[in-house]
Amino acid sequence: MTKEEATMVAFEIVAYSGDARSKLLMAVEKAKAGDLVTADRLVAEANECLVDAHKAQTDLLQQEARGDNVEVGFIMVHGQDHLMTTLLLKDIVGTLMDVYKK
């Protein structure tokens, strides 16, 4: 895999993770305002974005496992950081949603 190809995958991870993060934060705002239906929809949409980000990440892992050289640059590190912090946010938002539903 070329550096350019790895960079494009990294941008995918950043974009999907960023979309998920935005949707999760909007879900909390909707839940706080009492709009639980919209909040649940936004969480579901965020989960779809995270699945797409994870697919891109898994493709890279599979390529490296096959012995292909995957050059990791700062953009890839940024993408992984975005994905991991958004996954953590997803867990936190899940707990907040439970609180707002009571």
PDB file of N, CA and C in Angstrom:
ATOM      1  N   MET A   1       0.848  -1.174   0.000  1.00  0.00           N
ATOM      2  CA  MET A   1       0.000   0.000   0.000  1.00  0.00           C
ATOM      3  C   MET A   1       0.892   1.235   0.000  1.00  0.00           C
ATOM      4  N   THR A   2       0.584   2.152  -0.873  1.00  0.00           N
ATOM      5  CA  THR A   2       1.379   3.374  -0.944  1.00  0.00           C
ATOM      6  C   THR A   2       1.001   4.313   0.200  1.00  0.00           C
ATOM      7  N   LYS A   3       1.856   5.281   0.435  1.00  0.00           N
ATOM      8  CA  LYS A   3       1.576   6.266   1.478  1.00  0.00           C
ATOM      9  C   LYS A   3       0.302   7.042   1.153  1.00  0.00           C
ATOM     10  N   GLU A   4       0.103   7.339  -0.126  1.00  0.00           N
ATOM     11  CA  GLU A   4      -1.095   8.074  -0.531  1.00  0.00           C
ATOM     12  C   GLU A   4      -2.365   7.266  -0.260  1.00  0.00           C
ATOM     13  N   GLU A   5      -2.314   5.957  -0.542  1.00  0.00           N
ATOM     14  CA  GLU A   5      -3.466   5.099  -0.280  1.00  0.00           C
ATOM     15  C   GLU A   5      -3.755   5.018   1.219  1.00  0.00           C
ATOM     16  N   ALA A   6      -2.714   4.879   2.011  1.00  0.00           N
ATOM     17  CA  ALA A   6      -2.890   4.827   3.466  1.00  0.00           C
ATOM     18  C   ALA A   6      -3.454   6.149   3.986  1.00  0.00           C
ATOM     19  N   THR A   7      -3.004   7.243   3.405  1.00  0.00           N
ATOM     20  CA  THR A   7      -3.506   8.553   3.807  1.00  0.00           C
ATOM     21  C   THR A   7      -4.989   8.692   3.490  1.00  0.00           C
ATOM     22  N   MET A   8      -5.418   8.183   2.347  1.00  0.00           N
ATOM     23  CA  MET A   8      -6.833   8.253   1.987  1.00  0.00           C
ATOM     24  C   MET A   8      -7.685   7.424   2.960  1.00  0.00           C
ATOM     25  N   VAL A   9      -7.186   6.268   3.347  1.00  0.00           N
ATOM     26  CA  VAL A   9      -7.906   5.449   4.335  1.00  0.00           C
ATOM     27  C   VAL A   9      -7.964   6.202   5.666  1.00  0.00           C
ATOM     28  N   ALA A  10      -6.873   6.837   6.027  1.00  0.00           N
ATOM     29  CA  ALA A  10      -6.848   7.608   7.276  1.00  0.00           C
ATOM     30  C   ALA A  10      -7.882   8.726   7.245  1.00  0.00           C
ATOM     31  N   PHE A  11      -7.999   9.396   6.107  1.00  0.00           N
ATOM     32  CA  PHE A  11      -9.007  10.451   5.978  1.00  0.00           C
ATOM     33  C   PHE A  11     -10.419   9.881   6.095  1.00  0.00           C
ATOM     34  N   GLU A  12     -10.642   8.667   5.582  1.00  0.00           N
ATOM     35  CA  GLU A  12     -11.939   8.010   5.744  1.00  0.00           C
ATOM     36  C   GLU A  12     -12.238   7.810   7.227  1.00  0.00           C
ATOM     37  N   ILE A  13     -11.247   7.307   7.949  1.00  0.00           N
ATOM     38  CA  ILE A  13     -11.429   7.054   9.379  1.00  0.00           C
ATOM     39  C   ILE A  13     -11.742   8.353  10.112  1.00  0.00           C
ATOM     40  N   VAL A  14     -11.017   9.417   9.785  1.00  0.00           N
ATOM     41  CA  VAL A  14     -11.255  10.719  10.417  1.00  0.00           C
ATOM     42  C   VAL A  14     -12.672  11.203  10.096  1.00  0.00           C
ATOM     43  N   ALA A  15     -13.067  11.102   8.833  1.00  0.00           N
ATOM     44  CA  ALA A  15     -14.380  11.613   8.424  1.00  0.00           C
ATOM     45  C   ALA A  15     -15.515  10.838   9.091  1.00  0.00           C
ATOM     46  N   TYR A  16     -15.457   9.506   9.025  1.00  0.00           N
ATOM     47  CA  TYR A  16     -16.516   8.705   9.643  1.00  0.00           C
ATOM     48  C   TYR A  16     -16.562   8.919  11.153  1.00  0.00           C
ATOM     49  N   SER A  17     -15.405   8.965  11.782  1.00  0.00           N
ATOM     50  CA  SER A  17     -15.357   9.169  13.234  1.00  0.00           C
ATOM     51  C   SER A  17     -15.866  10.556  13.601  1.00  0.00           C
ATOM     52  N   GLY A  18     -15.498  11.554  12.815  1.00  0.00           N
ATOM     53  CA  GLY A  18     -15.962  12.917  13.065  1.00  0.00           C
ATOM     54  C   GLY A  18     -17.469  13.037  12.936  1.00  0.00           C
ATOM     55  N   ASP A  19     -18.026  12.392  11.893  1.00  0.00           N
ATOM     56  CA  ASP A  19     -19.482  12.399  11.738  1.00  0.00           C
ATOM     57  C   ASP A  19     -20.151  11.724  12.937  1.00  0.00           C
ATOM     58  N   ALA A  20     -19.600  10.603  13.352  1.00  0.00           N
ATOM     59  CA  ALA A  20     -20.167   9.890  14.504  1.00  0.00           C
ATOM     60  C   ALA A  20     -20.115  10.757  15.751  1.00  0.00           C
ATOM     61  N   ARG A  21     -18.989  11.410  15.967  1.00  0.00           N
ATOM     62  CA  ARG A  21     -18.831  12.265  17.144  1.00  0.00           C
ATOM     63  C   ARG A  21     -19.881  13.369  17.152  1.00  0.00           C
ATOM     64  N   SER A  22     -20.071  14.022  16.011  1.00  0.00           N
ATOM     65  CA  SER A  22     -21.067  15.096  15.916  1.00  0.00           C
ATOM     66  C   SER A  22     -22.468  14.577  16.218  1.00  0.00           C
ATOM     67  N   LYS A  23     -22.806  13.425  15.662  1.00  0.00           N
ATOM     68  CA  LYS A  23     -24.130  12.845  15.888  1.00  0.00           C
ATOM     69  C   LYS A  23     -24.332  12.464  17.354  1.00  0.00           C
ATOM     70  N   LEU A  24     -23.294  11.932  17.980  1.00  0.00           N
ATOM     71  CA  LEU A  24     -23.402  11.568  19.391  1.00  0.00           C
ATOM     72  C   LEU A  24     -23.613  12.795  20.269  1.00  0.00           C
ATOM     73  N   LEU A  25     -22.890  13.860  19.987  1.00  0.00           N
ATOM     74  CA  LEU A  25     -23.064  15.075  20.780  1.00  0.00           C
ATOM     75  C   LEU A  25     -24.434  15.702  20.550  1.00  0.00           C
ATOM     76  N   MET A  26     -24.926  15.647  19.309  1.00  0.00           N
ATOM     77  CA  MET A  26     -26.281  16.148  19.034  1.00  0.00           C
ATOM     78  C   MET A  26     -27.316  15.281  19.740  1.00  0.00           C
ATOM     79  N   ALA A  27     -27.064  13.982  19.820  1.00  0.00           N
ATOM     80  CA  ALA A  27     -27.993  13.075  20.506  1.00  0.00           C
ATOM     81  C   ALA A  27     -28.136  13.454  21.973  1.00  0.00           C
ATOM     82  N   VAL A  28     -27.049  13.800  22.613  1.00  0.00           N
ATOM     83  CA  VAL A  28     -27.110  14.204  24.017  1.00  0.00           C
ATOM     84  C   VAL A  28     -27.939  15.480  24.158  1.00  0.00           C
ATOM     85  N   GLU A  29     -27.737  16.416  23.266  1.00  0.00           N
ATOM     86  CA  GLU A  29     -28.514  17.662  23.325  1.00  0.00           C
ATOM     87  C   GLU A  29     -29.998  17.389  23.126  1.00  0.00           C
ATOM     88  N   LYS A  30     -30.323  16.507  22.187  1.00  0.00           N
ATOM     89  CA  LYS A  30     -31.734  16.164  21.953  1.00  0.00           C
ATOM     90  C   LYS A  30     -32.323  15.447  23.170  1.00  0.00           C
ATOM     91  N   ALA A  31     -31.566  14.541  23.759  1.00  0.00           N
ATOM     92  CA  ALA A  31     -32.047  13.824  24.941  1.00  0.00           C
ATOM     93  C   ALA A  31     -32.265  14.797  26.099  1.00  0.00           C
ATOM     94  N   LYS A  32     -31.342  15.731  26.255  1.00  0.00           N
ATOM     95  CA  LYS A  32     -31.466  16.728  27.325  1.00  0.00           C
ATOM     96  C   LYS A  32     -32.731  17.570  27.142  1.00  0.00           C
ATOM     97  N   ALA A  33     -33.090  17.811  25.869  1.00  0.00           N
ATOM     98  CA  ALA A  33     -34.296  18.591  25.572  1.00  0.00           C
ATOM     99  C   ALA A  33     -35.562  17.738  25.604  1.00  0.00           C
ATOM    100  N   GLY A  34     -35.412  16.432  25.848  1.00  0.00           N
ATOM    101  CA  GLY A  34     -36.569  15.558  25.943  1.00  0.00           C
ATOM    102  C   GLY A  34     -36.965  14.880  24.644  1.00  0.00           C
ATOM    103  N   ASP A  35     -36.226  15.108  23.572  1.00  0.00           N
ATOM    104  CA  ASP A  35     -36.529  14.496  22.268  1.00  0.00           C
ATOM    105  C   ASP A  35     -35.760  13.179  22.138  1.00  0.00           C
ATOM    106  N   LEU A  36     -36.247  12.169  22.833  1.00  0.00           N
ATOM    107  CA  LEU A  36     -35.550  10.888  22.898  1.00  0.00           C
ATOM    108  C   LEU A  36     -35.612  10.115  21.583  1.00  0.00           C
ATOM    109  N   VAL A  37     -36.663  10.314  20.818  1.00  0.00           N
ATOM    110  CA  VAL A  37     -36.772   9.621  19.522  1.00  0.00           C
ATOM    111  C   VAL A  37     -35.653  10.083  18.586  1.00  0.00           C
ATOM    112  N   THR A  38     -35.470  11.378  18.493  1.00  0.00           N
ATOM    113  CA  THR A  38     -34.399  11.910  17.644  1.00  0.00           C
ATOM    114  C   THR A  38     -33.035  11.517  18.201  1.00  0.00           C
ATOM    115  N   ALA A  39     -32.907  11.552  19.508  1.00  0.00           N
ATOM    116  CA  ALA A  39     -31.641  11.171  20.136  1.00  0.00           C
ATOM    117  C   ALA A  39     -31.277   9.730  19.795  1.00  0.00           C
ATOM    118  N   ASP A  40     -32.243   8.839  19.892  1.00  0.00           N
ATOM    119  CA  ASP A  40     -31.987   7.433  19.560  1.00  0.00           C
ATOM    120  C   ASP A  40     -31.611   7.270  18.080  1.00  0.00           C
ATOM    121  N   ARG A  41     -32.278   8.033  17.211  1.00  0.00           N
ATOM    122  CA  ARG A  41     -31.964   7.967  15.783  1.00  0.00           C
ATOM    123  C   ARG A  41     -30.536   8.437  15.520  1.00  0.00           C
ATOM    124  N   LEU A  42     -30.125   9.496  16.191  1.00  0.00           N
ATOM    125  CA  LEU A  42     -28.774  10.021  16.010  1.00  0.00           C
ATOM    126  C   LEU A  42     -27.720   9.035  16.515  1.00  0.00           C
ATOM    127  N   VAL A  43     -28.000   8.367  17.614  1.00  0.00           N
ATOM    128  CA  VAL A  43     -27.072   7.356  18.122  1.00  0.00           C
ATOM    129  C   VAL A  43     -26.953   6.206  17.117  1.00  0.00           C
ATOM    130  N   ALA A  44     -28.077   5.801  16.544  1.00  0.00           N
ATOM    131  CA  ALA A  44     -28.043   4.729  15.541  1.00  0.00           C
ATOM    132  C   ALA A  44     -27.230   5.158  14.316  1.00  0.00           C
ATOM    133  N   GLU A  45     -27.406   6.401  13.875  1.00  0.00           N
ATOM    134  CA  GLU A  45     -26.640   6.917  12.741  1.00  0.00           C
ATOM    135  C   GLU A  45     -25.147   6.979  13.077  1.00  0.00           C
ATOM    136  N   ALA A  46     -24.840   7.376  14.291  1.00  0.00           N
ATOM    137  CA  ALA A  46     -23.438   7.426  14.728  1.00  0.00           C
ATOM    138  C   ALA A  46     -22.831   6.030  14.710  1.00  0.00           C
ATOM    139  N   ASN A  47     -23.598   5.057  15.141  1.00  0.00           N
ATOM    140  CA  ASN A  47     -23.102   3.679  15.121  1.00  0.00           C
ATOM    141  C   ASN A  47     -22.798   3.214  13.706  1.00  0.00           C
ATOM    142  N   GLU A  48     -23.622   3.603  12.740  1.00  0.00           N
ATOM    143  CA  GLU A  48     -23.366   3.262  11.340  1.00  0.00           C
ATOM    144  C   GLU A  48     -22.046   3.889  10.869  1.00  0.00           C
ATOM    145  N   CYS A  49     -21.812   5.133  11.242  1.00  0.00           N
ATOM    146  CA  CYS A  49     -20.551   5.803  10.882  1.00  0.00           C
ATOM    147  C   CYS A  49     -19.367   5.070  11.499  1.00  0.00           C
ATOM    148  N   LEU A  50     -19.521   4.650  12.744  1.00  0.00           N
ATOM    149  CA  LEU A  50     -18.429   3.941  13.410  1.00  0.00           C
ATOM    150  C   LEU A  50     -18.161   2.585  12.771  1.00  0.00           C
ATOM    151  N   VAL A  51     -19.195   1.930  12.277  1.00  0.00           N
ATOM    152  CA  VAL A  51     -18.997   0.668  11.557  1.00  0.00           C
ATOM    153  C   VAL A  51     -18.160   0.920  10.300  1.00  0.00           C
ATOM    154  N   ASP A  52     -18.470   2.001   9.583  1.00  0.00           N
ATOM    155  CA  ASP A  52     -17.707   2.335   8.381  1.00  0.00           C
ATOM    156  C   ASP A  52     -16.252   2.656   8.708  1.00  0.00           C
ATOM    157  N   ALA A  53     -16.033   3.397   9.797  1.00  0.00           N
ATOM    158  CA  ALA A  53     -14.666   3.712  10.219  1.00  0.00           C
ATOM    159  C   ALA A  53     -13.920   2.440  10.590  1.00  0.00           C
ATOM    160  N   HIS A  54     -14.603   1.553  11.282  1.00  0.00           N
ATOM    161  CA  HIS A  54     -13.974   0.303  11.705  1.00  0.00           C
ATOM    162  C   HIS A  54     -13.648  -0.580  10.495  1.00  0.00           C
ATOM    163  N   LYS A  55     -14.509  -0.571   9.487  1.00  0.00           N
ATOM    164  CA  LYS A  55     -14.237  -1.334   8.261  1.00  0.00           C
ATOM    165  C   LYS A  55     -12.952  -0.837   7.597  1.00  0.00           C
ATOM    166  N   ALA A  56     -12.793   0.475   7.520  1.00  0.00           N
ATOM    167  CA  ALA A  56     -11.579   1.038   6.923  1.00  0.00           C
ATOM    168  C   ALA A  56     -10.358   0.629   7.741  1.00  0.00           C
ATOM    169  N   GLN A  57     -10.471   0.683   9.043  1.00  0.00           N
ATOM    170  CA  GLN A  57      -9.367   0.285   9.916  1.00  0.00           C
ATOM    171  C   GLN A  57      -9.055  -1.203   9.738  1.00  0.00           C
ATOM    172  N   THR A  58     -10.079  -2.026   9.664  1.00  0.00           N
ATOM    173  CA  THR A  58      -9.894  -3.462   9.512  1.00  0.00           C
ATOM    174  C   THR A  58      -9.215  -3.802   8.188  1.00  0.00           C
ATOM    175  N   ASP A  59      -9.553  -3.073   7.139  1.00  0.00           N
ATOM    176  CA  ASP A  59      -8.890  -3.287   5.846  1.00  0.00           C
ATOM    177  C   ASP A  59      -7.386  -3.080   5.970  1.00  0.00           C
ATOM    178  N   LEU A  60      -6.996  -2.053   6.683  1.00  0.00           N
ATOM    179  CA  LEU A  60      -5.566  -1.796   6.895  1.00  0.00           C
ATOM    180  C   LEU A  60      -4.917  -2.922   7.692  1.00  0.00           C
ATOM    181  N   LEU A  61      -5.593  -3.354   8.730  1.00  0.00           N
ATOM    182  CA  LEU A  61      -5.056  -4.439   9.559  1.00  0.00           C
ATOM    183  C   LEU A  61      -4.886  -5.722   8.750  1.00  0.00           C
ATOM    184  N   GLN A  62      -5.857  -6.008   7.908  1.00  0.00           N
ATOM    185  CA  GLN A  62      -5.777  -7.206   7.086  1.00  0.00           C
ATOM    186  C   GLN A  62      -4.630  -7.122   6.086  1.00  0.00           C
ATOM    187  N   GLN A  63      -4.448  -5.957   5.496  1.00  0.00           N
ATOM    188  CA  GLN A  63      -3.342  -5.788   4.543  1.00  0.00           C
ATOM    189  C   GLN A  63      -2.000  -6.002   5.227  1.00  0.00           C
ATOM    190  N   GLU A  64      -1.853  -5.430   6.397  1.00  0.00           N
ATOM    191  CA  GLU A  64      -0.593  -5.598   7.119  1.00  0.00           C
ATOM    192  C   GLU A  64      -0.404  -7.056   7.540  1.00  0.00           C
ATOM    193  N   ALA A  65      -1.479  -7.717   7.947  1.00  0.00           N
ATOM    194  CA  ALA A  65      -1.387  -9.126   8.348  1.00  0.00           C
ATOM    195  C   ALA A  65      -0.975 -10.013   7.168  1.00  0.00           C
ATOM    196  N   ARG A  66      -1.346  -9.599   5.954  1.00  0.00           N
ATOM    197  CA  ARG A  66      -0.952 -10.341   4.749  1.00  0.00           C
ATOM    198  C   ARG A  66       0.504 -10.089   4.365  1.00  0.00           C
ATOM    199  N   GLY A  67       1.129  -9.178   5.061  1.00  0.00           N
ATOM    200  CA  GLY A  67       2.522  -8.874   4.775  1.00  0.00           C
ATOM    201  C   GLY A  67       2.743  -7.631   3.935  1.00  0.00           C
ATOM    202  N   ASP A  68       1.659  -6.946   3.570  1.00  0.00           N
ATOM    203  CA  ASP A  68       1.790  -5.697   2.829  1.00  0.00           C
ATOM    204  C   ASP A  68       2.306  -4.608   3.761  1.00  0.00           C
ATOM    205  N   ASN A  69       3.212  -3.807   3.267  1.00  0.00           N
ATOM    206  CA  ASN A  69       3.737  -2.699   4.055  1.00  0.00           C
ATOM    207  C   ASN A  69       2.704  -1.577   4.084  1.00  0.00           C
ATOM    208  N   VAL A  70       2.287  -1.178   5.276  1.00  0.00           N
ATOM    209  CA  VAL A  70       1.366  -0.072   5.448  1.00  0.00           C
ATOM    210  C   VAL A  70       2.128   1.029   6.156  1.00  0.00           C
ATOM    211  N   GLU A  71       2.385   2.100   5.424  1.00  0.00           N
ATOM    212  CA  GLU A  71       3.147   3.206   5.988  1.00  0.00           C
ATOM    213  C   GLU A  71       2.235   4.052   6.870  1.00  0.00           C
ATOM    214  N   VAL A  72       2.624   4.201   8.105  1.00  0.00           N
ATOM    215  CA  VAL A  72       1.822   4.949   9.063  1.00  0.00           C
ATOM    216  C   VAL A  72       2.415   6.342   9.224  1.00  0.00           C
ATOM    217  N   GLY A  73       1.616   7.330   8.886  1.00  0.00           N
ATOM    218  CA  GLY A  73       2.025   8.717   9.036  1.00  0.00           C
ATOM    219  C   GLY A  73       1.192   9.397  10.104  1.00  0.00           C
ATOM    220  N   PHE A  74       1.429  10.671  10.282  1.00  0.00           N
ATOM    221  CA  PHE A  74       0.722  11.416  11.317  1.00  0.00           C
ATOM    222  C   PHE A  74      -0.781  11.441  11.076  1.00  0.00           C
ATOM    223  N   ILE A  75      -1.202  11.484   9.819  1.00  0.00           N
ATOM    224  CA  ILE A  75      -2.634  11.505   9.520  1.00  0.00           C
ATOM    225  C   ILE A  75      -3.287  10.207   9.990  1.00  0.00           C
ATOM    226  N   MET A  76      -2.586   9.087   9.830  1.00  0.00           N
ATOM    227  CA  MET A  76      -3.126   7.816  10.310  1.00  0.00           C
ATOM    228  C   MET A  76      -3.228   7.811  11.838  1.00  0.00           C
ATOM    229  N   VAL A  77      -2.223   8.352  12.492  1.00  0.00           N
ATOM    230  CA  VAL A  77      -2.267   8.441  13.959  1.00  0.00           C
ATOM    231  C   VAL A  77      -3.459   9.305  14.373  1.00  0.00           C
ATOM    232  N   HIS A  78      -3.670  10.391  13.669  1.00  0.00           N
ATOM    233  CA  HIS A  78      -4.805  11.274  13.948  1.00  0.00           C
ATOM    234  C   HIS A  78      -6.123  10.522  13.746  1.00  0.00           C
ATOM    235  N   GLY A  79      -6.203   9.753  12.680  1.00  0.00           N
ATOM    236  CA  GLY A  79      -7.415   8.975  12.422  1.00  0.00           C
ATOM    237  C   GLY A  79      -7.698   7.970  13.512  1.00  0.00           C
ATOM    238  N   GLN A  80      -6.663   7.277  13.959  1.00  0.00           N
ATOM    239  CA  GLN A  80      -6.836   6.297  15.025  1.00  0.00           C
ATOM    240  C   GLN A  80      -7.248   6.985  16.322  1.00  0.00           C
ATOM    241  N   ASP A  81      -6.670   8.141  16.592  1.00  0.00           N
ATOM    242  CA  ASP A  81      -7.031   8.911  17.785  1.00  0.00           C
ATOM    243  C   ASP A  81      -8.499   9.320  17.720  1.00  0.00           C
ATOM    244  N   HIS A  82      -8.915   9.814  16.567  1.00  0.00           N
ATOM    245  CA  HIS A  82     -10.312  10.202  16.378  1.00  0.00           C
ATOM    246  C   HIS A  82     -11.249   9.019  16.624  1.00  0.00           C
ATOM    247  N   LEU A  83     -10.904   7.880  16.052  1.00  0.00           N
ATOM    248  CA  LEU A  83     -11.759   6.704  16.190  1.00  0.00           C
ATOM    249  C   LEU A  83     -11.854   6.261  17.653  1.00  0.00           C
ATOM    250  N   MET A  84     -10.730   6.174  18.322  1.00  0.00           N
ATOM    251  CA  MET A  84     -10.742   5.681  19.703  1.00  0.00           C
ATOM    252  C   MET A  84     -11.467   6.640  20.650  1.00  0.00           C
ATOM    253  N   THR A  85     -11.280   7.938  20.481  1.00  0.00           N
ATOM    254  CA  THR A  85     -11.974   8.876  21.367  1.00  0.00           C
ATOM    255  C   THR A  85     -13.470   8.887  21.078  1.00  0.00           C
ATOM    256  N   THR A  86     -13.852   8.673  19.832  1.00  0.00           N
ATOM    257  CA  THR A  86     -15.267   8.623  19.503  1.00  0.00           C
ATOM    258  C   THR A  86     -15.905   7.351  20.054  1.00  0.00           C
ATOM    259  N   LEU A  87     -15.168   6.242  20.037  1.00  0.00           N
ATOM    260  CA  LEU A  87     -15.688   5.019  20.645  1.00  0.00           C
ATOM    261  C   LEU A  87     -15.905   5.209  22.147  1.00  0.00           C
ATOM    262  N   LEU A  88     -14.997   5.915  22.792  1.00  0.00           N
ATOM    263  CA  LEU A  88     -15.166   6.212  24.213  1.00  0.00           C
ATOM    264  C   LEU A  88     -16.380   7.118  24.425  1.00  0.00           C
ATOM    265  N   LEU A  89     -16.521   8.120  23.565  1.00  0.00           N
ATOM    266  CA  LEU A  89     -17.670   9.019  23.659  1.00  0.00           C
ATOM    267  C   LEU A  89     -18.971   8.237  23.493  1.00  0.00           C
ATOM    268  N   LYS A  90     -18.970   7.272  22.590  1.00  0.00           N
ATOM    269  CA  LYS A  90     -20.167   6.441  22.383  1.00  0.00           C
ATOM    270  C   LYS A  90     -20.579   5.760  23.683  1.00  0.00           C
ATOM    271  N   ASP A  91     -19.617   5.226  24.417  1.00  0.00           N
ATOM    272  CA  ASP A  91     -19.915   4.579  25.696  1.00  0.00           C
ATOM    273  C   ASP A  91     -20.484   5.571  26.705  1.00  0.00           C
ATOM    274  N   ILE A  92     -19.901   6.741  26.765  1.00  0.00           N
ATOM    275  CA  ILE A  92     -20.360   7.771  27.701  1.00  0.00           C
ATOM    276  C   ILE A  92     -21.767   8.234  27.332  1.00  0.00           C
ATOM    277  N   VAL A  93     -21.997   8.446  26.040  1.00  0.00           N
ATOM    278  CA  VAL A  93     -23.317   8.889  25.589  1.00  0.00           C
ATOM    279  C   VAL A  93     -24.364   7.823  25.892  1.00  0.00           C
ATOM    280  N   GLY A  94     -24.000   6.567  25.757  1.00  0.00           N
ATOM    281  CA  GLY A  94     -24.925   5.481  26.101  1.00  0.00           C
ATOM    282  C   GLY A  94     -25.389   5.586  27.547  1.00  0.00           C
ATOM    283  N   THR A  95     -24.468   5.879  28.433  1.00  0.00           N
ATOM    284  CA  THR A  95     -24.803   6.036  29.843  1.00  0.00           C
ATOM    285  C   THR A  95     -25.677   7.277  30.055  1.00  0.00           C
ATOM    286  N   LEU A  96     -25.328   8.371  29.396  1.00  0.00           N
ATOM    287  CA  LEU A  96     -26.128   9.586  29.527  1.00  0.00           C
ATOM    288  C   LEU A  96     -27.556   9.372  29.009  1.00  0.00           C
ATOM    289  N   MET A  97     -27.659   8.649  27.912  1.00  0.00           N
ATOM    290  CA  MET A  97     -28.986   8.384  27.354  1.00  0.00           C
ATOM    291  C   MET A  97     -29.834   7.605  28.356  1.00  0.00           C
ATOM    292  N   ASP A  98     -29.223   6.651  29.037  1.00  0.00           N
ATOM    293  CA  ASP A  98     -29.944   5.897  30.062  1.00  0.00           C
ATOM    294  C   ASP A  98     -30.439   6.818  31.177  1.00  0.00           C
ATOM    295  N   VAL A  99     -29.628   7.774  31.553  1.00  0.00           N
ATOM    296  CA  VAL A  99     -30.012   8.720  32.600  1.00  0.00           C
ATOM    297  C   VAL A  99     -31.184   9.581  32.149  1.00  0.00           C
ATOM    298  N   TYR A 100     -31.123  10.070  30.906  1.00  0.00           N
ATOM    299  CA  TYR A 100     -32.204  10.926  30.413  1.00  0.00           C
ATOM    300  C   TYR A 100     -33.510  10.158  30.193  1.00  0.00           C
ATOM    301  N   LYS A 101     -33.416   8.855  29.998  1.00  0.00           N
ATOM    302  CA  LYS A 101     -34.628   8.054  29.760  1.00  0.00           C
ATOM    303  C   LYS A 101     -35.365   7.722  31.058  1.00  0.00           C
ATOM    304  N   LYS A 102     -34.739   7.975  32.185  1.00  0.00           N
ATOM    305  CA  LYS A 102     -35.391   7.660  33.480  1.00  0.00           C
ATOM    306  C   LYS A 102     -36.279   8.776  33.947  1.00  0.00           C
TER     307      LYS A 102
END
